[in-house]
Amino acid sequence: MRNLRAIVLPNTWLQLFILLWMLFGLAFNRIGTQLYKKDFYEIFNLYKCSAFCGSAFAANDIYVGLDYAYNDFEIADETVNPNAVNLKAGYEFFDGIFLEGQVAVSSTDDDLYRMNFELDKSYSLFGRFESPASYGFSADILLGWSWNDIAVTGPEETYNNIDSYNGFAWGIGLNQEIPSFEEIKVRLGYQVLHSDSDLKLANYTLGVSYTF
């Protein structure tokens, strides 16, 4: 499986190059000429061939994982740490290119100024881009969107509500394959699920995943 994956990356870059070449020609209105029409169809056929060849060897792995998330929520100049457990699953479309979904389940809450903070709901969808492994180590980048609800409770005279924070999310991580068990990986990561001038929702994660 690992040897077959090595074939995919060149095909993927070839497809991107061909698409950019086609768009470049369209941008300069050359499509109307007979010469470019001929070139366009030849290049388009080459793109279809590269896409087919790439898909024939594309990685189609599915993985599931479990992370402990140490949440670091910055509110104004204060910090609370209502921690959670992340359940995640992903699908690999091409070598090193994944679609990953995460669901966070609250494990602990935290208090600040007589108010209690807890992660009520958290869902995230990421594109994950992982580097080739070297000596069992690899790095990855997460880019996507996150939906988060924070429950705040306290005495009647304080603030009581469930606030939603949705938007762009990102993360980075370091992966380590377990020797003799390549299907299992340990991952140490950092994620920012929301960030604005008033609030930052971030976490440090440590967990394992299993690839089918």
N, C-alpha and C. Protein backbone atom coordinates (compact mmCIF):
# COMPACT_ATOMS: atom_id res chain seq x y z
N MET A 1 0.83 -1.21 0.00
CA MET A 1 0.00 0.00 0.00
C MET A 1 0.86 1.26 0.00
N ARG A 2 1.91 1.30 0.87
CA ARG A 2 2.77 2.47 0.94
C ARG A 2 3.49 2.71 -0.38
N ASN A 3 3.91 1.63 -1.08
CA ASN A 3 4.62 1.79 -2.35
C ASN A 3 3.69 2.34 -3.42
N LEU A 4 2.43 1.86 -3.42
CA LEU A 4 1.48 2.36 -4.41
C LEU A 4 1.20 3.84 -4.19
N ARG A 5 1.17 4.27 -2.93
CA ARG A 5 0.87 5.67 -2.64
C ARG A 5 1.91 6.60 -3.23
N ALA A 6 3.14 6.15 -3.33
CA ALA A 6 4.21 7.00 -3.85
C ALA A 6 3.95 7.42 -5.28
N ILE A 7 3.09 6.67 -6.00
CA ILE A 7 2.79 6.98 -7.40
C ILE A 7 1.79 8.12 -7.51
N VAL A 8 1.00 8.32 -6.46
CA VAL A 8 -0.13 9.23 -6.56
C VAL A 8 0.30 10.68 -6.62
N LEU A 9 1.27 11.08 -5.78
CA LEU A 9 1.63 12.47 -5.68
C LEU A 9 2.06 13.08 -7.00
N PRO A 10 2.93 12.44 -7.79
CA PRO A 10 3.27 13.02 -9.10
C PRO A 10 2.04 13.19 -9.98
N ASN A 11 1.11 12.20 -9.97
CA ASN A 11 -0.10 12.33 -10.78
C ASN A 11 -0.92 13.51 -10.33
N THR A 12 -1.03 13.73 -9.00
CA THR A 12 -1.80 14.85 -8.48
C THR A 12 -1.21 16.17 -8.93
N TRP A 13 0.12 16.31 -8.84
CA TRP A 13 0.76 17.54 -9.29
C TRP A 13 0.62 17.72 -10.79
N LEU A 14 0.65 16.60 -11.55
CA LEU A 14 0.48 16.69 -12.99
C LEU A 14 -0.90 17.23 -13.33
N GLN A 15 -1.93 16.75 -12.62
CA GLN A 15 -3.29 17.24 -12.86
C GLN A 15 -3.38 18.73 -12.58
N LEU A 16 -2.79 19.20 -11.47
CA LEU A 16 -2.83 20.62 -11.15
C LEU A 16 -2.12 21.45 -12.21
N PHE A 17 -0.97 20.96 -12.71
CA PHE A 17 -0.24 21.68 -13.74
C PHE A 17 -1.07 21.80 -15.02
N ILE A 18 -1.72 20.69 -15.40
CA ILE A 18 -2.52 20.69 -16.63
C ILE A 18 -3.70 21.65 -16.50
N LEU A 19 -4.37 21.64 -15.33
CA LEU A 19 -5.49 22.55 -15.11
C LEU A 19 -5.06 24.00 -15.17
N LEU A 20 -3.92 24.32 -14.56
CA LEU A 20 -3.40 25.68 -14.60
C LEU A 20 -3.05 26.10 -16.02
N TRP A 21 -2.48 25.17 -16.81
CA TRP A 21 -2.14 25.47 -18.20
C TRP A 21 -3.40 25.80 -19.00
N MET A 22 -4.46 25.01 -18.79
CA MET A 22 -5.73 25.24 -19.50
C MET A 22 -6.34 26.58 -19.11
N LEU A 23 -6.33 26.89 -17.80
CA LEU A 23 -6.90 28.16 -17.34
C LEU A 23 -6.09 29.35 -17.84
N PHE A 24 -4.76 29.17 -17.95
CA PHE A 24 -3.91 30.24 -18.48
C PHE A 24 -4.30 30.57 -19.91
N GLY A 25 -4.53 29.54 -20.69
CA GLY A 25 -4.92 29.76 -22.08
C GLY A 25 -6.27 30.44 -22.19
N LEU A 26 -7.21 30.01 -21.34
CA LEU A 26 -8.54 30.63 -21.36
C LEU A 26 -8.47 32.10 -20.97
N ALA A 27 -7.61 32.42 -20.02
CA ALA A 27 -7.50 33.79 -19.56
C ALA A 27 -7.03 34.73 -20.66
N PHE A 28 -6.25 34.23 -21.59
CA PHE A 28 -5.74 35.06 -22.69
C PHE A 28 -6.55 34.89 -23.97
N ASN A 29 -7.76 34.29 -23.83
CA ASN A 29 -8.70 34.19 -24.96
C ASN A 29 -8.11 33.49 -26.17
N ARG A 30 -7.27 32.51 -25.95
CA ARG A 30 -6.69 31.79 -27.08
C ARG A 30 -7.56 30.63 -27.51
N ILE A 31 -8.61 30.35 -26.77
CA ILE A 31 -9.43 29.18 -27.06
C ILE A 31 -10.12 29.29 -28.41
N GLY A 32 -10.26 30.52 -28.91
CA GLY A 32 -10.95 30.69 -30.17
C GLY A 32 -10.12 30.32 -31.39
N THR A 33 -8.85 30.21 -31.25
CA THR A 33 -8.02 29.88 -32.40
C THR A 33 -8.03 28.38 -32.64
N GLN A 34 -7.86 28.00 -33.92
CA GLN A 34 -7.86 26.59 -34.27
C GLN A 34 -6.69 25.87 -33.62
N LEU A 35 -5.53 26.56 -33.55
CA LEU A 35 -4.36 25.94 -32.96
C LEU A 35 -4.62 25.62 -31.50
N TYR A 36 -5.18 26.59 -30.77
CA TYR A 36 -5.39 26.36 -29.35
C TYR A 36 -6.50 25.34 -29.11
N LYS A 37 -7.50 25.31 -30.00
CA LYS A 37 -8.54 24.30 -29.86
C LYS A 37 -7.92 22.91 -29.91
N LYS A 38 -7.00 22.72 -30.87
CA LYS A 38 -6.37 21.42 -30.98
C LYS A 38 -5.55 21.13 -29.73
N ASP A 39 -4.76 22.13 -29.27
CA ASP A 39 -3.96 21.95 -28.06
C ASP A 39 -4.85 21.69 -26.86
N PHE A 40 -5.96 22.42 -26.78
CA PHE A 40 -6.85 22.29 -25.62
C PHE A 40 -7.39 20.87 -25.50
N TYR A 41 -7.86 20.30 -26.62
CA TYR A 41 -8.42 18.95 -26.56
C TYR A 41 -7.34 17.92 -26.24
N GLU A 42 -6.13 18.13 -26.77
CA GLU A 42 -5.05 17.20 -26.45
C GLU A 42 -4.69 17.26 -24.97
N ILE A 43 -4.62 18.47 -24.43
CA ILE A 43 -4.29 18.62 -23.02
C ILE A 43 -5.42 18.09 -22.15
N PHE A 44 -6.67 18.33 -22.56
CA PHE A 44 -7.81 17.83 -21.78
C PHE A 44 -7.80 16.31 -21.73
N ASN A 45 -7.48 15.69 -22.86
CA ASN A 45 -7.39 14.22 -22.87
C ASN A 45 -6.26 13.73 -21.97
N LEU A 46 -5.14 14.50 -21.95
CA LEU A 46 -4.03 14.14 -21.07
C LEU A 46 -4.45 14.27 -19.61
N TYR A 47 -5.24 15.31 -19.31
CA TYR A 47 -5.72 15.49 -17.93
C TYR A 47 -6.62 14.34 -17.50
N LYS A 48 -7.53 13.92 -18.41
CA LYS A 48 -8.40 12.81 -18.07
C LYS A 48 -7.60 11.54 -17.83
N CYS A 49 -6.56 11.34 -18.63
CA CYS A 49 -5.72 10.16 -18.44
C CYS A 49 -5.00 10.22 -17.10
N SER A 50 -4.45 11.40 -16.77
CA SER A 50 -3.72 11.52 -15.50
C SER A 50 -4.65 11.35 -14.32
N ALA A 51 -5.88 11.87 -14.43
CA ALA A 51 -6.85 11.72 -13.34
C ALA A 51 -7.22 10.26 -13.15
N PHE A 52 -7.41 9.54 -14.29
CA PHE A 52 -7.76 8.12 -14.18
C PHE A 52 -6.61 7.32 -13.58
N CYS A 53 -5.40 7.60 -14.08
CA CYS A 53 -4.24 6.86 -13.56
C CYS A 53 -4.03 7.15 -12.08
N GLY A 54 -4.23 8.45 -11.69
CA GLY A 54 -4.05 8.79 -10.29
C GLY A 54 -5.07 8.11 -9.42
N SER A 55 -6.34 8.07 -9.88
CA SER A 55 -7.38 7.46 -9.06
C SER A 55 -7.17 5.97 -8.93
N ALA A 56 -6.51 5.37 -9.92
CA ALA A 56 -6.28 3.92 -9.86
C ALA A 56 -5.35 3.57 -8.72
N PHE A 57 -4.44 4.49 -8.39
CA PHE A 57 -3.48 4.22 -7.32
C PHE A 57 -3.72 5.09 -6.10
N ALA A 58 -4.83 5.86 -6.10
CA ALA A 58 -5.08 6.76 -4.98
C ALA A 58 -5.32 5.99 -3.70
N ALA A 59 -4.80 6.55 -2.61
CA ALA A 59 -5.05 5.94 -1.31
C ALA A 59 -6.50 6.17 -0.91
N ASN A 60 -7.13 5.15 -0.38
CA ASN A 60 -8.52 5.26 0.05
C ASN A 60 -8.66 4.76 1.48
N ASP A 61 -7.71 5.13 2.32
CA ASP A 61 -7.72 4.67 3.70
C ASP A 61 -8.79 5.39 4.51
N ILE A 62 -9.33 4.69 5.48
CA ILE A 62 -10.25 5.26 6.46
C ILE A 62 -9.61 5.08 7.83
N TYR A 63 -9.71 6.11 8.66
CA TYR A 63 -9.15 5.99 10.00
C TYR A 63 -10.11 6.55 11.04
N VAL A 64 -9.98 6.06 12.25
CA VAL A 64 -10.74 6.58 13.39
C VAL A 64 -9.74 6.84 14.50
N GLY A 65 -10.09 7.77 15.39
CA GLY A 65 -9.14 8.10 16.45
C GLY A 65 -9.82 8.71 17.66
N LEU A 66 -9.04 8.82 18.72
CA LEU A 66 -9.50 9.36 19.99
C LEU A 66 -8.40 10.25 20.55
N ASP A 67 -8.73 11.50 20.88
CA ASP A 67 -7.77 12.46 21.44
C ASP A 67 -8.27 12.98 22.78
N TYR A 68 -7.34 13.23 23.68
CA TYR A 68 -7.67 14.04 24.85
C TYR A 68 -7.30 15.48 24.52
N ALA A 69 -8.24 16.39 24.72
CA ALA A 69 -8.03 17.79 24.36
C ALA A 69 -7.97 18.65 25.61
N TYR A 70 -6.80 19.25 25.83
CA TYR A 70 -6.65 20.24 26.90
C TYR A 70 -7.03 21.59 26.32
N ASN A 71 -8.25 22.03 26.62
CA ASN A 71 -8.76 23.27 26.05
C ASN A 71 -8.20 24.47 26.78
N ASP A 72 -7.83 25.47 26.00
CA ASP A 72 -7.27 26.72 26.52
C ASP A 72 -8.10 27.85 25.95
N PHE A 73 -9.15 28.25 26.68
CA PHE A 73 -10.07 29.27 26.21
C PHE A 73 -9.67 30.61 26.82
N GLU A 74 -9.27 31.55 25.99
CA GLU A 74 -8.86 32.87 26.43
C GLU A 74 -10.03 33.83 26.30
N ILE A 75 -10.48 34.36 27.44
CA ILE A 75 -11.60 35.29 27.49
C ILE A 75 -11.08 36.60 28.06
N ALA A 76 -11.01 37.62 27.20
CA ALA A 76 -10.37 38.88 27.57
C ALA A 76 -8.94 38.56 28.02
N ASP A 77 -8.61 38.85 29.28
CA ASP A 77 -7.26 38.55 29.77
C ASP A 77 -7.24 37.34 30.70
N GLU A 78 -8.31 36.56 30.70
CA GLU A 78 -8.41 35.39 31.57
C GLU A 78 -8.43 34.11 30.74
N THR A 79 -8.17 32.99 31.43
CA THR A 79 -8.14 31.69 30.75
C THR A 79 -8.93 30.67 31.55
N VAL A 80 -9.74 29.87 30.86
CA VAL A 80 -10.44 28.75 31.49
C VAL A 80 -10.09 27.49 30.69
N ASN A 81 -10.21 26.34 31.36
CA ASN A 81 -9.78 25.08 30.75
C ASN A 81 -10.84 23.98 30.91
N PRO A 82 -11.97 24.13 30.22
CA PRO A 82 -12.97 23.05 30.24
C PRO A 82 -12.59 21.98 29.21
N ASN A 83 -11.99 20.91 29.65
CA ASN A 83 -11.37 19.95 28.73
C ASN A 83 -12.38 19.01 28.11
N ALA A 84 -11.91 18.25 27.11
CA ALA A 84 -12.83 17.41 26.34
C ALA A 84 -12.09 16.21 25.76
N VAL A 85 -12.87 15.29 25.23
CA VAL A 85 -12.36 14.14 24.49
C VAL A 85 -12.83 14.29 23.05
N ASN A 86 -11.92 14.22 22.10
CA ASN A 86 -12.25 14.34 20.68
C ASN A 86 -12.39 12.97 20.03
N LEU A 87 -13.53 12.74 19.40
CA LEU A 87 -13.72 11.57 18.55
C LEU A 87 -13.54 12.03 17.12
N LYS A 88 -12.72 11.32 16.34
CA LYS A 88 -12.45 11.77 14.98
C LYS A 88 -12.46 10.61 14.01
N ALA A 89 -12.76 10.93 12.77
CA ALA A 89 -12.73 9.94 11.69
C ALA A 89 -12.34 10.66 10.41
N GLY A 90 -11.63 9.96 9.54
CA GLY A 90 -11.17 10.60 8.31
C GLY A 90 -11.09 9.65 7.15
N TYR A 91 -11.06 10.24 5.95
CA TYR A 91 -10.97 9.48 4.71
C TYR A 91 -9.88 10.10 3.85
N GLU A 92 -9.00 9.28 3.31
CA GLU A 92 -7.88 9.76 2.49
C GLU A 92 -8.25 9.67 1.01
N PHE A 93 -8.38 10.84 0.36
CA PHE A 93 -8.73 10.88 -1.06
C PHE A 93 -7.52 10.62 -1.94
N PHE A 94 -6.42 11.30 -1.63
CA PHE A 94 -5.16 11.10 -2.32
C PHE A 94 -4.09 10.96 -1.25
N ASP A 95 -2.93 10.58 -1.67
CA ASP A 95 -1.85 10.37 -0.72
C ASP A 95 -1.59 11.63 0.09
N GLY A 96 -1.83 11.56 1.40
CA GLY A 96 -1.57 12.69 2.27
C GLY A 96 -2.65 13.74 2.31
N ILE A 97 -3.77 13.54 1.60
CA ILE A 97 -4.87 14.52 1.57
C ILE A 97 -6.12 13.84 2.14
N PHE A 98 -6.62 14.37 3.27
CA PHE A 98 -7.69 13.74 4.01
C PHE A 98 -8.85 14.71 4.21
N LEU A 99 -10.03 14.15 4.43
CA LEU A 99 -11.17 14.89 4.97
C LEU A 99 -11.43 14.31 6.35
N GLU A 100 -11.38 15.15 7.37
CA GLU A 100 -11.50 14.68 8.75
C GLU A 100 -12.63 15.40 9.47
N GLY A 101 -13.44 14.63 10.20
CA GLY A 101 -14.47 15.18 11.05
C GLY A 101 -14.16 14.92 12.51
N GLN A 102 -14.48 15.88 13.36
CA GLN A 102 -14.23 15.76 14.80
C GLN A 102 -15.48 16.12 15.59
N VAL A 103 -15.72 15.37 16.65
CA VAL A 103 -16.78 15.67 17.60
C VAL A 103 -16.15 15.67 18.99
N ALA A 104 -16.32 16.76 19.72
CA ALA A 104 -15.74 16.87 21.06
C ALA A 104 -16.81 16.61 22.11
N VAL A 105 -16.47 15.78 23.09
CA VAL A 105 -17.35 15.46 24.21
C VAL A 105 -16.72 16.00 25.47
N SER A 106 -17.45 16.83 26.21
CA SER A 106 -16.90 17.46 27.40
C SER A 106 -16.51 16.43 28.45
N SER A 107 -15.32 16.63 29.05
CA SER A 107 -14.86 15.74 30.11
C SER A 107 -14.77 16.45 31.46
N THR A 108 -14.40 17.72 31.45
CA THR A 108 -14.35 18.52 32.69
C THR A 108 -14.80 19.94 32.39
N ASP A 109 -15.22 20.65 33.43
CA ASP A 109 -15.56 22.06 33.30
C ASP A 109 -14.54 22.88 34.08
N ASP A 110 -14.73 24.21 34.10
CA ASP A 110 -13.81 25.08 34.83
C ASP A 110 -14.56 26.32 35.28
N ASP A 111 -14.06 26.94 36.35
CA ASP A 111 -14.73 28.10 36.94
C ASP A 111 -13.89 29.36 36.79
N LEU A 112 -14.60 30.48 36.65
CA LEU A 112 -13.97 31.79 36.57
C LEU A 112 -14.95 32.82 37.11
N TYR A 113 -14.55 33.53 38.17
CA TYR A 113 -15.40 34.57 38.76
C TYR A 113 -16.82 34.06 39.07
N ARG A 114 -16.90 32.96 39.78
CA ARG A 114 -18.17 32.36 40.22
C ARG A 114 -19.02 31.85 39.05
N MET A 115 -18.46 31.83 37.86
CA MET A 115 -19.17 31.30 36.70
C MET A 115 -18.50 30.01 36.24
N ASN A 116 -19.32 29.08 35.78
CA ASN A 116 -18.83 27.79 35.34
C ASN A 116 -18.86 27.72 33.82
N PHE A 117 -17.75 27.26 33.23
CA PHE A 117 -17.62 27.17 31.78
C PHE A 117 -17.49 25.70 31.38
N GLU A 118 -18.25 25.31 30.36
CA GLU A 118 -18.19 23.94 29.86
C GLU A 118 -18.40 23.93 28.35
N LEU A 119 -17.66 23.07 27.69
CA LEU A 119 -17.84 22.90 26.24
C LEU A 119 -19.10 22.09 26.00
N ASP A 120 -20.17 22.76 25.59
CA ASP A 120 -21.46 22.09 25.44
C ASP A 120 -21.51 21.24 24.18
N LYS A 121 -21.08 21.81 23.05
CA LYS A 121 -21.03 21.09 21.78
C LYS A 121 -19.85 21.60 20.97
N SER A 122 -19.26 20.70 20.21
CA SER A 122 -18.18 21.11 19.31
C SER A 122 -18.07 20.12 18.16
N TYR A 123 -18.24 20.65 16.93
CA TYR A 123 -18.11 19.85 15.72
C TYR A 123 -17.15 20.57 14.78
N SER A 124 -16.27 19.82 14.16
CA SER A 124 -15.31 20.43 13.24
C SER A 124 -15.15 19.56 12.00
N LEU A 125 -14.94 20.22 10.87
CA LEU A 125 -14.68 19.53 9.61
C LEU A 125 -13.42 20.14 9.00
N PHE A 126 -12.44 19.28 8.74
CA PHE A 126 -11.13 19.76 8.28
C PHE A 126 -10.69 19.06 7.00
N GLY A 127 -9.94 19.80 6.20
CA GLY A 127 -9.06 19.18 5.23
C GLY A 127 -7.72 19.00 5.93
N ARG A 128 -7.20 17.80 5.89
CA ARG A 128 -5.92 17.53 6.57
C ARG A 128 -4.88 17.14 5.54
N PHE A 129 -3.72 17.80 5.63
CA PHE A 129 -2.65 17.59 4.66
C PHE A 129 -1.42 17.08 5.43
N GLU A 130 -1.06 15.83 5.16
CA GLU A 130 0.01 15.18 5.92
C GLU A 130 1.24 14.97 5.05
N SER A 131 2.40 15.26 5.59
CA SER A 131 3.66 15.08 4.87
C SER A 131 4.01 13.59 4.78
N PRO A 132 4.86 13.20 3.82
CA PRO A 132 5.36 11.82 3.81
C PRO A 132 6.10 11.50 5.10
N ALA A 133 5.99 10.26 5.54
CA ALA A 133 6.64 9.85 6.79
C ALA A 133 8.14 9.66 6.59
N SER A 134 8.89 10.06 7.59
CA SER A 134 10.34 9.85 7.61
C SER A 134 10.70 9.28 8.97
N TYR A 135 11.25 8.05 8.97
CA TYR A 135 11.55 7.35 10.21
C TYR A 135 10.32 7.24 11.11
N GLY A 136 9.15 7.11 10.49
CA GLY A 136 7.92 6.95 11.23
C GLY A 136 7.25 8.24 11.66
N PHE A 137 7.93 9.39 11.43
CA PHE A 137 7.37 10.68 11.82
C PHE A 137 6.79 11.40 10.61
N SER A 138 5.70 12.14 10.83
CA SER A 138 5.14 12.99 9.79
C SER A 138 4.48 14.18 10.46
N ALA A 139 4.29 15.25 9.69
CA ALA A 139 3.62 16.45 10.20
C ALA A 139 2.36 16.68 9.37
N ASP A 140 1.40 17.39 9.96
CA ASP A 140 0.19 17.68 9.20
C ASP A 140 -0.34 19.07 9.53
N ILE A 141 -1.19 19.55 8.63
CA ILE A 141 -1.86 20.85 8.79
C ILE A 141 -3.35 20.61 8.62
N LEU A 142 -4.17 21.21 9.49
CA LEU A 142 -5.62 21.15 9.40
C LEU A 142 -6.17 22.51 9.01
N LEU A 143 -7.08 22.54 8.04
CA LEU A 143 -7.76 23.77 7.64
C LEU A 143 -9.24 23.44 7.47
N GLY A 144 -10.11 24.21 8.13
CA GLY A 144 -11.53 23.88 8.00
C GLY A 144 -12.44 24.84 8.74
N TRP A 145 -13.52 24.28 9.26
CA TRP A 145 -14.58 25.07 9.90
C TRP A 145 -15.01 24.36 11.17
N SER A 146 -15.33 25.14 12.20
CA SER A 146 -15.72 24.55 13.48
C SER A 146 -16.96 25.23 14.04
N TRP A 147 -17.82 24.42 14.66
CA TRP A 147 -19.05 24.89 15.30
C TRP A 147 -18.93 24.57 16.79
N ASN A 148 -18.99 25.60 17.66
CA ASN A 148 -18.74 25.39 19.09
C ASN A 148 -19.79 26.12 19.93
N ASP A 149 -20.31 25.43 20.94
CA ASP A 149 -21.22 26.02 21.91
C ASP A 149 -20.58 25.95 23.29
N ILE A 150 -20.48 27.10 23.96
CA ILE A 150 -19.91 27.17 25.31
C ILE A 150 -21.04 27.49 26.28
N ALA A 151 -21.23 26.62 27.27
CA ALA A 151 -22.25 26.83 28.30
C ALA A 151 -21.64 27.56 29.48
N VAL A 152 -22.26 28.69 29.87
CA VAL A 152 -21.80 29.48 31.00
C VAL A 152 -22.94 29.55 32.01
N THR A 153 -22.67 29.10 33.24
CA THR A 153 -23.69 29.13 34.29
C THR A 153 -23.09 29.71 35.56
N GLY A 154 -23.96 30.28 36.40
CA GLY A 154 -23.50 30.88 37.64
C GLY A 154 -24.68 31.40 38.44
N PRO A 155 -24.42 32.15 39.48
CA PRO A 155 -25.51 32.76 40.25
C PRO A 155 -26.39 33.63 39.37
N GLU A 156 -27.59 33.87 39.84
CA GLU A 156 -28.58 34.59 39.03
C GLU A 156 -28.10 35.94 38.56
N GLU A 157 -27.31 36.63 39.40
CA GLU A 157 -26.87 37.98 39.05
C GLU A 157 -25.71 37.98 38.06
N THR A 158 -25.14 36.78 37.75
CA THR A 158 -24.05 36.70 36.78
C THR A 158 -24.60 36.28 35.42
N TYR A 159 -23.70 35.97 34.53
CA TYR A 159 -24.08 35.62 33.16
C TYR A 159 -24.44 34.14 33.07
N ASN A 160 -25.59 33.84 32.44
CA ASN A 160 -26.03 32.46 32.23
C ASN A 160 -26.53 32.32 30.79
N ASN A 161 -25.82 31.53 30.01
CA ASN A 161 -26.24 31.39 28.62
C ASN A 161 -25.39 30.32 27.94
N ILE A 162 -25.81 29.92 26.73
CA ILE A 162 -25.01 29.07 25.85
C ILE A 162 -24.68 29.90 24.62
N ASP A 163 -23.41 30.17 24.43
CA ASP A 163 -22.96 31.02 23.33
C ASP A 163 -22.33 30.17 22.23
N SER A 164 -22.61 30.54 20.99
CA SER A 164 -22.10 29.81 19.83
C SER A 164 -20.95 30.59 19.19
N TYR A 165 -19.91 29.86 18.85
CA TYR A 165 -18.75 30.44 18.19
C TYR A 165 -18.39 29.56 17.00
N ASN A 166 -18.72 30.04 15.81
CA ASN A 166 -18.52 29.26 14.59
C ASN A 166 -17.58 30.02 13.66
N GLY A 167 -16.79 29.27 12.91
CA GLY A 167 -15.93 29.95 11.95
C GLY A 167 -14.73 29.13 11.55
N PHE A 168 -13.81 29.82 10.89
CA PHE A 168 -12.60 29.19 10.38
C PHE A 168 -11.80 28.58 11.52
N ALA A 169 -11.26 27.39 11.28
CA ALA A 169 -10.44 26.70 12.27
C ALA A 169 -9.20 26.13 11.59
N TRP A 170 -8.15 25.99 12.36
CA TRP A 170 -6.91 25.44 11.81
C TRP A 170 -6.15 24.69 12.90
N GLY A 171 -5.18 23.91 12.48
CA GLY A 171 -4.38 23.18 13.44
C GLY A 171 -3.11 22.63 12.80
N ILE A 172 -2.20 22.20 13.64
CA ILE A 172 -0.97 21.55 13.21
C ILE A 172 -0.75 20.33 14.09
N GLY A 173 0.00 19.37 13.59
CA GLY A 173 0.22 18.17 14.37
C GLY A 173 1.48 17.43 13.98
N LEU A 174 1.94 16.58 14.88
CA LEU A 174 3.09 15.71 14.65
C LEU A 174 2.64 14.28 14.91
N ASN A 175 2.87 13.40 13.94
CA ASN A 175 2.43 12.01 14.01
C ASN A 175 3.61 11.07 14.15
N GLN A 176 3.40 9.98 14.87
CA GLN A 176 4.42 8.94 15.03
C GLN A 176 3.78 7.58 14.85
N GLU A 177 4.28 6.83 13.86
CA GLU A 177 3.81 5.46 13.67
C GLU A 177 4.38 4.57 14.76
N ILE A 178 3.59 3.61 15.21
CA ILE A 178 4.05 2.64 16.20
C ILE A 178 4.84 1.56 15.47
N PRO A 179 6.10 1.32 15.85
CA PRO A 179 6.90 0.28 15.18
C PRO A 179 6.18 -1.07 15.19
N SER A 180 6.21 -1.72 14.04
CA SER A 180 5.56 -3.03 13.83
C SER A 180 4.04 -2.94 13.77
N PHE A 181 3.48 -1.73 13.96
CA PHE A 181 2.02 -1.55 13.86
C PHE A 181 1.77 -0.26 13.08
N GLU A 182 2.02 -0.28 11.77
CA GLU A 182 1.91 0.93 10.95
C GLU A 182 0.50 1.49 10.91
N GLU A 183 -0.51 0.64 11.23
CA GLU A 183 -1.89 1.11 11.20
C GLU A 183 -2.20 2.05 12.36
N ILE A 184 -1.36 2.03 13.39
CA ILE A 184 -1.60 2.84 14.58
C ILE A 184 -0.64 4.03 14.60
N LYS A 185 -1.20 5.23 14.87
CA LYS A 185 -0.38 6.43 14.97
C LYS A 185 -0.71 7.16 16.27
N VAL A 186 0.31 7.76 16.85
CA VAL A 186 0.15 8.67 17.98
C VAL A 186 0.30 10.09 17.43
N ARG A 187 -0.59 10.99 17.85
CA ARG A 187 -0.55 12.36 17.33
C ARG A 187 -0.57 13.37 18.45
N LEU A 188 0.34 14.35 18.37
CA LEU A 188 0.36 15.50 19.26
C LEU A 188 -0.01 16.71 18.42
N GLY A 189 -1.04 17.45 18.85
CA GLY A 189 -1.51 18.53 18.00
C GLY A 189 -1.90 19.79 18.74
N TYR A 190 -2.08 20.84 17.97
CA TYR A 190 -2.56 22.13 18.47
C TYR A 190 -3.61 22.63 17.49
N GLN A 191 -4.77 23.06 18.01
CA GLN A 191 -5.86 23.53 17.16
C GLN A 191 -6.40 24.86 17.69
N VAL A 192 -6.80 25.71 16.75
CA VAL A 192 -7.53 26.93 17.08
C VAL A 192 -8.90 26.80 16.42
N LEU A 193 -9.94 26.66 17.26
CA LEU A 193 -11.29 26.44 16.75
C LEU A 193 -12.05 27.74 16.51
N HIS A 194 -11.61 28.81 17.17
CA HIS A 194 -12.24 30.13 16.98
C HIS A 194 -11.31 31.18 17.54
N SER A 195 -11.26 32.33 16.88
CA SER A 195 -10.42 33.41 17.37
C SER A 195 -10.97 34.75 16.91
N ASP A 196 -11.21 35.64 17.86
CA ASP A 196 -11.57 37.02 17.55
C ASP A 196 -11.00 37.92 18.63
N SER A 197 -11.39 39.18 18.63
CA SER A 197 -10.80 40.14 19.57
C SER A 197 -11.20 39.86 21.01
N ASP A 198 -12.30 39.12 21.23
CA ASP A 198 -12.78 38.89 22.59
C ASP A 198 -12.52 37.49 23.11
N LEU A 199 -12.40 36.53 22.21
CA LEU A 199 -12.34 35.14 22.64
C LEU A 199 -11.48 34.30 21.69
N LYS A 200 -10.71 33.41 22.29
CA LYS A 200 -9.94 32.45 21.50
C LYS A 200 -10.18 31.05 22.07
N LEU A 201 -10.65 30.14 21.22
CA LEU A 201 -10.86 28.75 21.60
C LEU A 201 -9.77 27.91 20.97
N ALA A 202 -8.87 27.40 21.79
CA ALA A 202 -7.76 26.59 21.29
C ALA A 202 -7.61 25.37 22.17
N ASN A 203 -6.90 24.38 21.67
CA ASN A 203 -6.63 23.20 22.50
C ASN A 203 -5.34 22.51 22.07
N TYR A 204 -4.79 21.77 23.01
CA TYR A 204 -3.65 20.89 22.78
C TYR A 204 -4.17 19.46 22.86
N THR A 205 -3.86 18.66 21.88
CA THR A 205 -4.42 17.31 21.83
C THR A 205 -3.32 16.25 21.81
N LEU A 206 -3.64 15.12 22.41
CA LEU A 206 -2.76 13.95 22.38
C LEU A 206 -3.66 12.73 22.25
N GLY A 207 -3.41 11.93 21.22
CA GLY A 207 -4.28 10.78 21.02
C GLY A 207 -3.70 9.77 20.06
N VAL A 208 -4.54 8.80 19.73
CA VAL A 208 -4.14 7.72 18.82
C VAL A 208 -5.20 7.57 17.74
N SER A 209 -4.77 7.00 16.61
CA SER A 209 -5.70 6.71 15.51
C SER A 209 -5.35 5.35 14.91
N TYR A 210 -6.35 4.73 14.32
CA TYR A 210 -6.15 3.43 13.69
C TYR A 210 -6.64 3.52 12.25
N THR A 211 -5.78 3.10 11.31
CA THR A 211 -6.10 3.14 9.89
C THR A 211 -6.52 1.76 9.40
N PHE A 212 -7.67 1.71 8.73
CA PHE A 212 -8.18 0.42 8.21
C PHE A 212 -7.59 0.14 6.83
